[in-house]
Amino acid sequence: MEIVNNWTHKECVTHVAQAMMEYRERSKKKWSINLSVLHEIYEVPKKLITEAQKKQRVIKKPHWKSKKK
């Protein structure tokens, strides 16, 4: 991120820390996404969207939390 966004190391670390805090907060709640915009704007077939919305999502622990020390 530092090179791509031309950030200092401190800016990069701050951004990642803020993103992780936001991830933790959002993960406390059950939420869903309305995918209808994919059909309306990008012409994705409605059948594909319906199938995707029916699938249950299981959120796994991030890989860095599952490693044993």
PDB file of N, CA and C in Angstrom:
ATOM      1  N   MET A   1       0.818  -1.198   0.000  1.00  0.00           N
ATOM      2  CA  MET A   1       0.000   0.000   0.000  1.00  0.00           C
ATOM      3  C   MET A   1       0.861   1.260   0.000  1.00  0.00           C
ATOM      4  N   GLU A   2       1.971   1.195   0.650  1.00  0.00           N
ATOM      5  CA  GLU A   2       2.806   2.392   0.744  1.00  0.00           C
ATOM      6  C   GLU A   2       3.236   2.876  -0.633  1.00  0.00           C
ATOM      7  N   ILE A   3       3.758   1.965  -1.435  1.00  0.00           N
ATOM      8  CA  ILE A   3       4.266   2.358  -2.749  1.00  0.00           C
ATOM      9  C   ILE A   3       3.126   2.734  -3.678  1.00  0.00           C
ATOM     10  N   VAL A   4       2.085   1.891  -3.725  1.00  0.00           N
ATOM     11  CA  VAL A   4       0.955   2.128  -4.637  1.00  0.00           C
ATOM     12  C   VAL A   4       0.280   3.468  -4.351  1.00  0.00           C
ATOM     13  N   ASN A   5       0.071   3.771  -3.058  1.00  0.00           N
ATOM     14  CA  ASN A   5      -0.632   4.998  -2.684  1.00  0.00           C
ATOM     15  C   ASN A   5       0.301   6.166  -2.369  1.00  0.00           C
ATOM     16  N   ASN A   6       1.603   5.918  -2.481  1.00  0.00           N
ATOM     17  CA  ASN A   6       2.597   6.946  -2.167  1.00  0.00           C
ATOM     18  C   ASN A   6       2.417   7.463  -0.740  1.00  0.00           C
ATOM     19  N   TRP A   7       2.250   6.513   0.207  1.00  0.00           N
ATOM     20  CA  TRP A   7       2.073   6.847   1.615  1.00  0.00           C
ATOM     21  C   TRP A   7       3.378   6.641   2.365  1.00  0.00           C
ATOM     22  N   THR A   8       3.489   7.326   3.494  1.00  0.00           N
ATOM     23  CA  THR A   8       4.591   7.035   4.408  1.00  0.00           C
ATOM     24  C   THR A   8       4.242   5.740   5.139  1.00  0.00           C
ATOM     25  N   HIS A   9       5.237   5.171   5.800  1.00  0.00           N
ATOM     26  CA  HIS A   9       4.981   3.951   6.570  1.00  0.00           C
ATOM     27  C   HIS A   9       3.937   4.224   7.654  1.00  0.00           C
ATOM     28  N   LYS A  10       4.040   5.367   8.300  1.00  0.00           N
ATOM     29  CA  LYS A  10       3.098   5.717   9.369  1.00  0.00           C
ATOM     30  C   LYS A  10       1.673   5.819   8.819  1.00  0.00           C
ATOM     31  N   GLU A  11       1.487   6.427   7.648  1.00  0.00           N
ATOM     32  CA  GLU A  11       0.154   6.534   7.036  1.00  0.00           C
ATOM     33  C   GLU A  11      -0.413   5.151   6.733  1.00  0.00           C
ATOM     34  N   CYS A  12       0.437   4.271   6.272  1.00  0.00           N
ATOM     35  CA  CYS A  12       0.010   2.915   5.936  1.00  0.00           C
ATOM     36  C   CYS A  12      -0.424   2.160   7.198  1.00  0.00           C
ATOM     37  N   VAL A  13       0.382   2.224   8.235  1.00  0.00           N
ATOM     38  CA  VAL A  13       0.067   1.541   9.489  1.00  0.00           C
ATOM     39  C   VAL A  13      -1.227   2.100  10.073  1.00  0.00           C
ATOM     40  N   THR A  14      -1.408   3.396  10.034  1.00  0.00           N
ATOM     41  CA  THR A  14      -2.629   4.035  10.544  1.00  0.00           C
ATOM     42  C   THR A  14      -3.845   3.554   9.770  1.00  0.00           C
ATOM     43  N   HIS A  15      -3.733   3.499   8.454  1.00  0.00           N
ATOM     44  CA  HIS A  15      -4.846   3.051   7.625  1.00  0.00           C
ATOM     45  C   HIS A  15      -5.231   1.600   7.946  1.00  0.00           C
ATOM     46  N   VAL A  16      -4.243   0.735   8.060  1.00  0.00           N
ATOM     47  CA  VAL A  16      -4.508  -0.673   8.357  1.00  0.00           C
ATOM     48  C   VAL A  16      -5.155  -0.810   9.733  1.00  0.00           C
ATOM     49  N   ALA A  17      -4.673  -0.076  10.718  1.00  0.00           N
ATOM     50  CA  ALA A  17      -5.242  -0.137  12.070  1.00  0.00           C
ATOM     51  C   ALA A  17      -6.698   0.321  12.059  1.00  0.00           C
ATOM     52  N   GLN A  18      -6.989   1.394  11.340  1.00  0.00           N
ATOM     53  CA  GLN A  18      -8.366   1.889  11.256  1.00  0.00           C
ATOM     54  C   GLN A  18      -9.267   0.889  10.540  1.00  0.00           C
ATOM     55  N   ALA A  19      -8.760   0.274   9.489  1.00  0.00           N
ATOM     56  CA  ALA A  19      -9.538  -0.722   8.748  1.00  0.00           C
ATOM     57  C   ALA A  19      -9.848  -1.929   9.633  1.00  0.00           C
ATOM     58  N   MET A  20      -8.900  -2.347  10.438  1.00  0.00           N
ATOM     59  CA  MET A  20      -9.131  -3.486  11.329  1.00  0.00           C
ATOM     60  C   MET A  20     -10.146  -3.153  12.419  1.00  0.00           C
ATOM     61  N   MET A  21     -10.114  -1.930  12.938  1.00  0.00           N
ATOM     62  CA  MET A  21     -11.108  -1.520  13.931  1.00  0.00           C
ATOM     63  C   MET A  21     -12.505  -1.533  13.303  1.00  0.00           C
ATOM     64  N   GLU A  22     -12.608  -1.034  12.093  1.00  0.00           N
ATOM     65  CA  GLU A  22     -13.889  -1.020  11.385  1.00  0.00           C
ATOM     66  C   GLU A  22     -14.361  -2.455  11.115  1.00  0.00           C
ATOM     67  N   TYR A  23     -13.460  -3.328  10.719  1.00  0.00           N
ATOM     68  CA  TYR A  23     -13.782  -4.729  10.477  1.00  0.00           C
ATOM     69  C   TYR A  23     -14.334  -5.376  11.749  1.00  0.00           C
ATOM     70  N   ARG A  24     -13.677  -5.143  12.878  1.00  0.00           N
ATOM     71  CA  ARG A  24     -14.137  -5.727  14.141  1.00  0.00           C
ATOM     72  C   ARG A  24     -15.539  -5.248  14.493  1.00  0.00           C
ATOM     73  N   GLU A  25     -15.797  -3.952  14.333  1.00  0.00           N
ATOM     74  CA  GLU A  25     -17.123  -3.400  14.644  1.00  0.00           C
ATOM     75  C   GLU A  25     -18.188  -3.973  13.716  1.00  0.00           C
ATOM     76  N   ARG A  26     -17.904  -4.010  12.434  1.00  0.00           N
ATOM     77  CA  ARG A  26     -18.884  -4.526  11.470  1.00  0.00           C
ATOM     78  C   ARG A  26     -19.124  -6.016  11.653  1.00  0.00           C
ATOM     79  N   SER A  27     -18.129  -6.733  12.133  1.00  0.00           N
ATOM     80  CA  SER A  27     -18.266  -8.174  12.323  1.00  0.00           C
ATOM     81  C   SER A  27     -19.145  -8.526  13.514  1.00  0.00           C
ATOM     82  N   LYS A  28     -19.453  -7.575  14.356  1.00  0.00           N
ATOM     83  CA  LYS A  28     -20.308  -7.817  15.515  1.00  0.00           C
ATOM     84  C   LYS A  28     -21.770  -7.950  15.111  1.00  0.00           C
ATOM     85  N   LYS A  29     -22.110  -7.494  13.934  1.00  0.00           N
ATOM     86  CA  LYS A  29     -23.500  -7.476  13.502  1.00  0.00           C
ATOM     87  C   LYS A  29     -23.719  -8.405  12.318  1.00  0.00           C
ATOM     88  N   LYS A  30     -24.939  -8.931  12.237  1.00  0.00           N
ATOM     89  CA  LYS A  30     -25.308  -9.724  11.076  1.00  0.00           C
ATOM     90  C   LYS A  30     -25.800  -8.736  10.016  1.00  0.00           C
ATOM     91  N   TRP A  31     -25.314  -8.857   8.814  1.00  0.00           N
ATOM     92  CA  TRP A  31     -25.698  -7.928   7.769  1.00  0.00           C
ATOM     93  C   TRP A  31     -25.787  -8.651   6.438  1.00  0.00           C
ATOM     94  N   SER A  32     -26.420  -7.985   5.494  1.00  0.00           N
ATOM     95  CA  SER A  32     -26.541  -8.566   4.157  1.00  0.00           C
ATOM     96  C   SER A  32     -26.308  -7.467   3.126  1.00  0.00           C
ATOM     97  N   ILE A  33     -26.089  -7.896   1.915  1.00  0.00           N
ATOM     98  CA  ILE A  33     -25.812  -6.963   0.824  1.00  0.00           C
ATOM     99  C   ILE A  33     -26.893  -7.116  -0.234  1.00  0.00           C
ATOM    100  N   ASN A  34     -27.424  -6.002  -0.709  1.00  0.00           N
ATOM    101  CA  ASN A  34     -28.395  -6.011  -1.794  1.00  0.00           C
ATOM    102  C   ASN A  34     -27.607  -6.020  -3.109  1.00  0.00           C
ATOM    103  N   LEU A  35     -27.677  -7.131  -3.810  1.00  0.00           N
ATOM    104  CA  LEU A  35     -26.903  -7.288  -5.041  1.00  0.00           C
ATOM    105  C   LEU A  35     -27.673  -6.872  -6.292  1.00  0.00           C
ATOM    106  N   SER A  36     -28.870  -6.330  -6.143  1.00  0.00           N
ATOM    107  CA  SER A  36     -29.685  -5.988  -7.314  1.00  0.00           C
ATOM    108  C   SER A  36     -29.001  -4.957  -8.214  1.00  0.00           C
ATOM    109  N   VAL A  37     -28.137  -4.148  -7.658  1.00  0.00           N
ATOM    110  CA  VAL A  37     -27.420  -3.154  -8.451  1.00  0.00           C
ATOM    111  C   VAL A  37     -26.564  -3.827  -9.529  1.00  0.00           C
ATOM    112  N   LEU A  38     -26.141  -5.058  -9.269  1.00  0.00           N
ATOM    113  CA  LEU A  38     -25.349  -5.773 -10.264  1.00  0.00           C
ATOM    114  C   LEU A  38     -26.142  -6.017 -11.546  1.00  0.00           C
ATOM    115  N   HIS A  39     -27.441  -6.263 -11.380  1.00  0.00           N
ATOM    116  CA  HIS A  39     -28.291  -6.450 -12.563  1.00  0.00           C
ATOM    117  C   HIS A  39     -28.612  -5.097 -13.200  1.00  0.00           C
ATOM    118  N   GLU A  40     -28.960  -4.146 -12.358  1.00  0.00           N
ATOM    119  CA  GLU A  40     -29.400  -2.837 -12.850  1.00  0.00           C
ATOM    120  C   GLU A  40     -28.298  -2.086 -13.601  1.00  0.00           C
ATOM    121  N   ILE A  41     -27.094  -2.144 -13.104  1.00  0.00           N
ATOM    122  CA  ILE A  41     -26.010  -1.367 -13.707  1.00  0.00           C
ATOM    123  C   ILE A  41     -25.124  -2.213 -14.619  1.00  0.00           C
ATOM    124  N   TYR A  42     -24.810  -3.436 -14.167  1.00  0.00           N
ATOM    125  CA  TYR A  42     -23.838  -4.251 -14.895  1.00  0.00           C
ATOM    126  C   TYR A  42     -24.458  -5.409 -15.678  1.00  0.00           C
ATOM    127  N   GLU A  43     -25.782  -5.505 -15.645  1.00  0.00           N
ATOM    128  CA  GLU A  43     -26.530  -6.511 -16.399  1.00  0.00           C
ATOM    129  C   GLU A  43     -26.161  -7.949 -16.050  1.00  0.00           C
ATOM    130  N   VAL A  44     -25.800  -8.180 -14.775  1.00  0.00           N
ATOM    131  CA  VAL A  44     -25.574  -9.544 -14.304  1.00  0.00           C
ATOM    132  C   VAL A  44     -26.944 -10.224 -14.270  1.00  0.00           C
ATOM    133  N   PRO A  45     -27.056 -11.451 -14.781  1.00  0.00           N
ATOM    134  CA  PRO A  45     -28.356 -12.131 -14.805  1.00  0.00           C
ATOM    135  C   PRO A  45     -28.986 -12.232 -13.407  1.00  0.00           C
ATOM    136  N   LYS A  46     -30.296 -11.959 -13.318  1.00  0.00           N
ATOM    137  CA  LYS A  46     -30.999 -12.010 -12.031  1.00  0.00           C
ATOM    138  C   LYS A  46     -30.890 -13.380 -11.369  1.00  0.00           C
ATOM    139  N   LYS A  47     -30.907 -14.442 -12.183  1.00  0.00           N
ATOM    140  CA  LYS A  47     -30.819 -15.797 -11.637  1.00  0.00           C
ATOM    141  C   LYS A  47     -29.514 -15.986 -10.870  1.00  0.00           C
ATOM    142  N   LEU A  48     -28.438 -15.492 -11.395  1.00  0.00           N
ATOM    143  CA  LEU A  48     -27.132 -15.608 -10.729  1.00  0.00           C
ATOM    144  C   LEU A  48     -27.126 -14.844  -9.408  1.00  0.00           C
ATOM    145  N   ILE A  49     -27.720 -13.664  -9.404  1.00  0.00           N
ATOM    146  CA  ILE A  49     -27.792 -12.854  -8.183  1.00  0.00           C
ATOM    147  C   ILE A  49     -28.633 -13.564  -7.130  1.00  0.00           C
ATOM    148  N   THR A  50     -29.786 -14.112  -7.538  1.00  0.00           N
ATOM    149  CA  THR A  50     -30.666 -14.820  -6.615  1.00  0.00           C
ATOM    150  C   THR A  50     -29.950 -16.013  -5.992  1.00  0.00           C
ATOM    151  N   GLU A  51     -29.233 -16.762  -6.809  1.00  0.00           N
ATOM    152  CA  GLU A  51     -28.482 -17.921  -6.300  1.00  0.00           C
ATOM    153  C   GLU A  51     -27.411 -17.480  -5.302  1.00  0.00           C
ATOM    154  N   ALA A  52     -26.730 -16.412  -5.592  1.00  0.00           N
ATOM    155  CA  ALA A  52     -25.676 -15.912  -4.697  1.00  0.00           C
ATOM    156  C   ALA A  52     -26.261 -15.459  -3.366  1.00  0.00           C
ATOM    157  N   GLN A  53     -27.436 -14.817  -3.396  1.00  0.00           N
ATOM    158  CA  GLN A  53     -28.044 -14.328  -2.166  1.00  0.00           C
ATOM    159  C   GLN A  53     -28.566 -15.459  -1.290  1.00  0.00           C
ATOM    160  N   LYS A  54     -28.900 -16.598  -1.877  1.00  0.00           N
ATOM    161  CA  LYS A  54     -29.420 -17.736  -1.111  1.00  0.00           C
ATOM    162  C   LYS A  54     -28.317 -18.470  -0.369  1.00  0.00           C
ATOM    163  N   LYS A  55     -27.087 -18.382  -0.852  1.00  0.00           N
ATOM    164  CA  LYS A  55     -25.988 -19.122  -0.233  1.00  0.00           C
ATOM    165  C   LYS A  55     -25.657 -18.531   1.131  1.00  0.00           C
ATOM    166  N   GLN A  56     -25.483 -19.434   2.072  1.00  0.00           N
ATOM    167  CA  GLN A  56     -25.101 -18.995   3.412  1.00  0.00           C
ATOM    168  C   GLN A  56     -23.608 -18.752   3.436  1.00  0.00           C
ATOM    169  N   ARG A  57     -23.212 -17.660   4.021  1.00  0.00           N
ATOM    170  CA  ARG A  57     -21.792 -17.327   4.108  1.00  0.00           C
ATOM    171  C   ARG A  57     -21.283 -17.656   5.498  1.00  0.00           C
ATOM    172  N   VAL A  58     -20.130 -18.263   5.539  1.00  0.00           N
ATOM    173  CA  VAL A  58     -19.486 -18.571   6.804  1.00  0.00           C
ATOM    174  C   VAL A  58     -18.205 -17.762   6.848  1.00  0.00           C
ATOM    175  N   ILE A  59     -18.081 -16.952   7.870  1.00  0.00           N
ATOM    176  CA  ILE A  59     -16.889 -16.124   7.999  1.00  0.00           C
ATOM    177  C   ILE A  59     -15.877 -16.872   8.850  1.00  0.00           C
ATOM    178  N   LYS A  60     -14.718 -17.071   8.288  1.00  0.00           N
ATOM    179  CA  LYS A  60     -13.652 -17.774   8.988  1.00  0.00           C
ATOM    180  C   LYS A  60     -12.726 -16.756   9.639  1.00  0.00           C
ATOM    181  N   LYS A  61     -12.003 -17.220  10.634  1.00  0.00           N
ATOM    182  CA  LYS A  61     -11.010 -16.360  11.264  1.00  0.00           C
ATOM    183  C   LYS A  61      -9.967 -15.976  10.224  1.00  0.00           C
ATOM    184  N   PRO A  62      -9.479 -14.756  10.285  1.00  0.00           N
ATOM    185  CA  PRO A  62      -8.393 -14.372   9.376  1.00  0.00           C
ATOM    186  C   PRO A  62      -7.209 -15.307   9.575  1.00  0.00           C
ATOM    187  N   HIS A  63      -6.469 -15.576   8.513  1.00  0.00           N
ATOM    188  CA  HIS A  63      -5.365 -16.533   8.571  1.00  0.00           C
ATOM    189  C   HIS A  63      -4.338 -16.179   9.635  1.00  0.00           C
ATOM    190  N   TRP A  64      -4.129 -14.909   9.930  1.00  0.00           N
ATOM    191  CA  TRP A  64      -3.113 -14.542  10.907  1.00  0.00           C
ATOM    192  C   TRP A  64      -3.557 -14.847  12.335  1.00  0.00           C
ATOM    193  N   LYS A  65      -4.860 -15.054  12.565  1.00  0.00           N
ATOM    194  CA  LYS A  65      -5.324 -15.392  13.908  1.00  0.00           C
ATOM    195  C   LYS A  65      -5.343 -16.891  14.141  1.00  0.00           C
ATOM    196  N   SER A  66      -5.248 -17.690  13.088  1.00  0.00           N
ATOM    197  CA  SER A  66      -5.341 -19.130  13.247  1.00  0.00           C
ATOM    198  C   SER A  66      -3.978 -19.797  13.424  1.00  0.00           C
ATOM    199  N   LYS A  67      -2.912 -19.048  13.228  1.00  0.00           N
ATOM    200  CA  LYS A  67      -1.574 -19.623  13.374  1.00  0.00           C
ATOM    201  C   LYS A  67      -1.221 -19.796  14.848  1.00  0.00           C
ATOM    202  N   LYS A  68      -0.611 -20.920  15.130  1.00  0.00           N
ATOM    203  CA  LYS A  68      -0.157 -21.159  16.512  1.00  0.00           C
ATOM    204  C   LYS A  68       1.211 -20.554  16.701  1.00  0.00           C
ATOM    205  N   LYS A  69       1.416 -20.021  17.887  1.00  0.00           N
ATOM    206  CA  LYS A  69       2.708 -19.401  18.205  1.00  0.00           C
ATOM    207  C   LYS A  69       3.586 -20.343  18.988  1.00  0.00           C
TER     208      LYS A  69
END
